[in-house]
Amino acid sequence: MRLRSHWDGSSGTSARRLIQAVLADVSNGAESLGELDFARACRRYGLPTPSRQVWRRLPTGRFCLDVYWDQYGVVVESEGIHHAEPGAAIDDSLRQNALTITHDAVLRIPVLGLRTNEADFMRQVEELLGRHGYRAA
């Protein structure tokens, strides 16, 4: 927060808009480039701002959700390559199943997939939000 406060008071750089957007995302909970990419995609597609890095406790343990729209019960997990490792894949499945049992809906979006098929993934996000009550303004 101190970095953002300092930056908000400065001026004079051509990259100011980009740096302001990244600082806003990081100070709101984004922890990876994939999450930053997803936040920008949400803005481009006019989707509501989700909560980020939301901690949950379920029977399978305590864990952090990358993106959560609590008013709609929609979760998006931004998945880097480490999610393909066998142990991570099993943990991811257990978490997703536990969330589904508690009535949250989970979309898993590979970082590479968001970069190569952004429109397709964002259409899925928008459709799932719509099925859970979101109406675009």
C-alpha atoms as a PDB file:
ATOM      1  CA  MET A   1       0.000   0.000   0.000  1.00  0.00           C
ATOM      2  CA  ARG A   2       2.873   2.397   0.727  1.00  0.00           C
ATOM      3  CA  LEU A   3       4.236   1.806  -2.774  1.00  0.00           C
ATOM      4  CA  ARG A   4       0.850   2.611  -4.280  1.00  0.00           C
ATOM      5  CA  SER A   5       0.488   5.757  -2.126  1.00  0.00           C
ATOM      6  CA  HIS A   6       3.927   6.941  -3.208  1.00  0.00           C
ATOM      7  CA  TRP A   7       3.235   6.168  -6.846  1.00  0.00           C
ATOM      8  CA  ASP A   8      -0.145   7.952  -6.808  1.00  0.00           C
ATOM      9  CA  GLY A   9       1.676  11.106  -5.751  1.00  0.00           C
ATOM     10  CA  SER A  10       4.280  10.968  -8.527  1.00  0.00           C
ATOM     11  CA  SER A  11       4.115  11.925 -12.183  1.00  0.00           C
ATOM     12  CA  GLY A  12       6.119  12.090 -15.372  1.00  0.00           C
ATOM     13  CA  THR A  13       6.447   8.625 -16.899  1.00  0.00           C
ATOM     14  CA  SER A  14       5.127   7.333 -20.200  1.00  0.00           C
ATOM     15  CA  ALA A  15       4.321   3.972 -18.609  1.00  0.00           C
ATOM     16  CA  ARG A  16       2.263   5.573 -15.839  1.00  0.00           C
ATOM     17  CA  ARG A  17      -1.099   4.064 -16.881  1.00  0.00           C
ATOM     18  CA  LEU A  18       0.306   0.523 -17.085  1.00  0.00           C
ATOM     19  CA  ILE A  19       2.152   0.815 -13.780  1.00  0.00           C
ATOM     20  CA  GLN A  20      -0.951   2.246 -12.083  1.00  0.00           C
ATOM     21  CA  ALA A  21      -3.038  -0.691 -13.329  1.00  0.00           C
ATOM     22  CA  VAL A  22      -0.472  -3.249 -12.140  1.00  0.00           C
ATOM     23  CA  LEU A  23      -0.167  -1.568  -8.730  1.00  0.00           C
ATOM     24  CA  ALA A  24      -3.959  -1.538  -8.378  1.00  0.00           C
ATOM     25  CA  ASP A  25      -4.144  -5.244  -9.229  1.00  0.00           C
ATOM     26  CA  VAL A  26      -1.312  -6.207  -6.898  1.00  0.00           C
ATOM     27  CA  SER A  27      -2.688  -4.139  -4.019  1.00  0.00           C
ATOM     28  CA  ASN A  28      -6.083  -5.808  -4.581  1.00  0.00           C
ATOM     29  CA  GLY A  29      -4.590  -9.282  -4.236  1.00  0.00           C
ATOM     30  CA  ALA A  30      -3.204 -10.452  -7.593  1.00  0.00           C
ATOM     31  CA  GLU A  31      -0.134 -12.581  -6.955  1.00  0.00           C
ATOM     32  CA  SER A  32       0.864 -13.830 -10.388  1.00  0.00           C
ATOM     33  CA  LEU A  33       1.124 -12.618 -13.970  1.00  0.00           C
ATOM     34  CA  GLY A  34      -1.721 -14.971 -14.866  1.00  0.00           C
ATOM     35  CA  GLU A  35      -3.929 -13.287 -12.282  1.00  0.00           C
ATOM     36  CA  LEU A  36      -2.940  -9.863 -13.620  1.00  0.00           C
ATOM     37  CA  ASP A  37      -3.817 -10.997 -17.157  1.00  0.00           C
ATOM     38  CA  PHE A  38      -7.176 -12.267 -15.906  1.00  0.00           C
ATOM     39  CA  ALA A  39      -7.920  -8.991 -14.089  1.00  0.00           C
ATOM     40  CA  ARG A  40      -7.252  -7.029 -17.281  1.00  0.00           C
ATOM     41  CA  ALA A  41      -9.451  -9.427 -19.263  1.00  0.00           C
ATOM     42  CA  CYS A  42     -12.300  -8.915 -16.776  1.00  0.00           C
ATOM     43  CA  ARG A  43     -12.066  -5.163 -17.312  1.00  0.00           C
ATOM     44  CA  ARG A  44     -11.958  -5.568 -21.115  1.00  0.00           C
ATOM     45  CA  TYR A  45     -15.057  -7.768 -21.055  1.00  0.00           C
ATOM     46  CA  GLY A  46     -16.918  -5.504 -18.624  1.00  0.00           C
ATOM     47  CA  LEU A  47     -17.206  -8.153 -15.919  1.00  0.00           C
ATOM     48  CA  PRO A  48     -17.651  -7.232 -12.273  1.00  0.00           C
ATOM     49  CA  THR A  49     -14.526  -6.925 -10.147  1.00  0.00           C
ATOM     50  CA  PRO A  50     -13.972 -10.147  -8.207  1.00  0.00           C
ATOM     51  CA  SER A  51     -12.346 -10.641  -4.847  1.00  0.00           C
ATOM     52  CA  ARG A  52      -8.847 -12.091  -5.083  1.00  0.00           C
ATOM     53  CA  GLN A  53      -6.824 -14.363  -2.848  1.00  0.00           C
ATOM     54  CA  VAL A  54      -9.841 -15.382  -0.763  1.00  0.00           C
ATOM     55  CA  TRP A  55      -9.037 -17.875   1.985  1.00  0.00           C
ATOM     56  CA  ARG A  56     -11.485 -20.751   2.492  1.00  0.00           C
ATOM     57  CA  ARG A  57     -11.639 -23.663   4.900  1.00  0.00           C
ATOM     58  CA  LEU A  58     -13.286 -26.878   3.789  1.00  0.00           C
ATOM     59  CA  PRO A  59     -13.007 -30.478   4.999  1.00  0.00           C
ATOM     60  CA  THR A  60     -10.012 -30.903   2.665  1.00  0.00           C
ATOM     61  CA  GLY A  61      -8.162 -28.078   4.415  1.00  0.00           C
ATOM     62  CA  ARG A  62      -7.524 -24.342   4.198  1.00  0.00           C
ATOM     63  CA  PHE A  63      -6.650 -22.857   0.836  1.00  0.00           C
ATOM     64  CA  CYS A  64      -6.674 -19.689  -1.208  1.00  0.00           C
ATOM     65  CA  LEU A  65      -8.940 -19.042  -4.188  1.00  0.00           C
ATOM     66  CA  ASP A  66      -7.336 -16.985  -6.963  1.00  0.00           C
ATOM     67  CA  VAL A  67     -10.557 -15.216  -7.984  1.00  0.00           C
ATOM     68  CA  TYR A  68     -13.980 -15.324  -6.321  1.00  0.00           C
ATOM     69  CA  TRP A  69     -17.263 -13.588  -7.004  1.00  0.00           C
ATOM     70  CA  ASP A  70     -18.875 -14.312  -3.643  1.00  0.00           C
ATOM     71  CA  GLN A  71     -22.247 -12.811  -4.599  1.00  0.00           C
ATOM     72  CA  TYR A  72     -22.463 -15.321  -7.479  1.00  0.00           C
ATOM     73  CA  GLY A  73     -20.617 -18.297  -5.988  1.00  0.00           C
ATOM     74  CA  VAL A  74     -18.200 -18.354  -8.941  1.00  0.00           C
ATOM     75  CA  VAL A  75     -14.509 -19.220  -8.622  1.00  0.00           C
ATOM     76  CA  VAL A  76     -11.793 -18.907 -11.264  1.00  0.00           C
ATOM     77  CA  GLU A  77      -8.487 -20.617 -10.695  1.00  0.00           C
ATOM     78  CA  SER A  78      -5.617 -19.263 -12.791  1.00  0.00           C
ATOM     79  CA  GLU A  79      -3.373 -22.234 -13.461  1.00  0.00           C
ATOM     80  CA  GLY A  80       0.297 -22.013 -14.260  1.00  0.00           C
ATOM     81  CA  ILE A  81       2.314 -24.997 -15.457  1.00  0.00           C
ATOM     82  CA  HIS A  82       2.907 -26.247 -11.899  1.00  0.00           C
ATOM     83  CA  HIS A  83      -0.772 -27.282 -11.777  1.00  0.00           C
ATOM     84  CA  ALA A  84       0.057 -30.065 -14.265  1.00  0.00           C
ATOM     85  CA  GLU A  85       2.300 -31.836 -11.734  1.00  0.00           C
ATOM     86  CA  PRO A  86       0.610 -34.989 -10.367  1.00  0.00           C
ATOM     87  CA  GLY A  87       0.440 -33.835  -6.737  1.00  0.00           C
ATOM     88  CA  ALA A  88      -0.892 -30.408  -7.691  1.00  0.00           C
ATOM     89  CA  ALA A  89      -3.480 -31.894 -10.053  1.00  0.00           C
ATOM     90  CA  ILE A  90      -4.806 -34.139  -7.287  1.00  0.00           C
ATOM     91  CA  ASP A  91      -4.936 -31.260  -4.775  1.00  0.00           C
ATOM     92  CA  ASP A  92      -6.665 -29.048  -7.365  1.00  0.00           C
ATOM     93  CA  SER A  93      -9.276 -31.737  -8.006  1.00  0.00           C
ATOM     94  CA  LEU A  94      -9.970 -32.216  -4.308  1.00  0.00           C
ATOM     95  CA  ARG A  95     -10.387 -28.449  -3.849  1.00  0.00           C
ATOM     96  CA  GLN A  96     -12.647 -28.110  -6.870  1.00  0.00           C
ATOM     97  CA  ASN A  97     -14.768 -31.041  -5.741  1.00  0.00           C
ATOM     98  CA  ALA A  98     -15.082 -29.593  -2.213  1.00  0.00           C
ATOM     99  CA  LEU A  99     -16.138 -26.225  -3.634  1.00  0.00           C
ATOM    100  CA  THR A 100     -18.671 -27.881  -5.934  1.00  0.00           C
ATOM    101  CA  ILE A 101     -20.145 -29.795  -3.000  1.00  0.00           C
ATOM    102  CA  THR A 102     -20.652 -26.454  -1.194  1.00  0.00           C
ATOM    103  CA  HIS A 103     -22.393 -25.064  -4.312  1.00  0.00           C
ATOM    104  CA  ASP A 104     -19.613 -22.870  -5.701  1.00  0.00           C
ATOM    105  CA  ALA A 105     -18.900 -23.206  -9.401  1.00  0.00           C
ATOM    106  CA  VAL A 106     -15.242 -23.424 -10.460  1.00  0.00           C
ATOM    107  CA  LEU A 107     -13.623 -22.605 -13.780  1.00  0.00           C
ATOM    108  CA  ARG A 108      -9.986 -23.537 -14.200  1.00  0.00           C
ATOM    109  CA  ILE A 109      -8.169 -21.416 -16.756  1.00  0.00           C
ATOM    110  CA  PRO A 110      -4.602 -22.257 -17.766  1.00  0.00           C
ATOM    111  CA  VAL A 111      -2.405 -19.173 -18.067  1.00  0.00           C
ATOM    112  CA  LEU A 112      -1.401 -20.282 -21.576  1.00  0.00           C
ATOM    113  CA  GLY A 113      -5.053 -20.831 -22.474  1.00  0.00           C
ATOM    114  CA  LEU A 114      -5.999 -17.311 -21.416  1.00  0.00           C
ATOM    115  CA  ARG A 115      -3.234 -15.930 -23.606  1.00  0.00           C
ATOM    116  CA  THR A 116      -4.118 -18.030 -26.660  1.00  0.00           C
ATOM    117  CA  ASN A 117      -7.915 -18.314 -26.327  1.00  0.00           C
ATOM    118  CA  GLU A 118      -8.907 -15.350 -24.186  1.00  0.00           C
ATOM    119  CA  ALA A 119     -12.269 -14.755 -25.870  1.00  0.00           C
ATOM    120  CA  ASP A 120     -13.337 -18.386 -25.424  1.00  0.00           C
ATOM    121  CA  PHE A 121     -12.416 -18.494 -21.744  1.00  0.00           C
ATOM    122  CA  MET A 122     -13.923 -15.097 -20.971  1.00  0.00           C
ATOM    123  CA  ARG A 123     -17.144 -16.121 -22.714  1.00  0.00           C
ATOM    124  CA  GLN A 124     -17.264 -19.111 -20.349  1.00  0.00           C
ATOM    125  CA  VAL A 125     -16.684 -16.865 -17.328  1.00  0.00           C
ATOM    126  CA  GLU A 126     -19.441 -14.505 -18.454  1.00  0.00           C
ATOM    127  CA  GLU A 127     -21.823 -17.400 -19.126  1.00  0.00           C
ATOM    128  CA  LEU A 128     -21.198 -18.969 -15.723  1.00  0.00           C
ATOM    129  CA  LEU A 129     -21.651 -15.632 -13.949  1.00  0.00           C
ATOM    130  CA  GLY A 130     -24.906 -15.179 -15.893  1.00  0.00           C
ATOM    131  CA  ARG A 131     -26.156 -18.614 -14.807  1.00  0.00           C
ATOM    132  CA  HIS A 132     -25.469 -17.543 -11.228  1.00  0.00           C
ATOM    133  CA  GLY A 133     -27.377 -14.262 -11.430  1.00  0.00           C
ATOM    134  CA  TYR A 134     -24.995 -11.707 -12.972  1.00  0.00           C
ATOM    135  CA  ARG A 135     -26.616  -9.340 -15.470  1.00  0.00           C
ATOM    136  CA  ALA A 136     -24.419  -7.020 -17.515  1.00  0.00           C
ATOM    137  CA  ALA A 137     -25.266  -3.341 -17.095  1.00  0.00           C
END
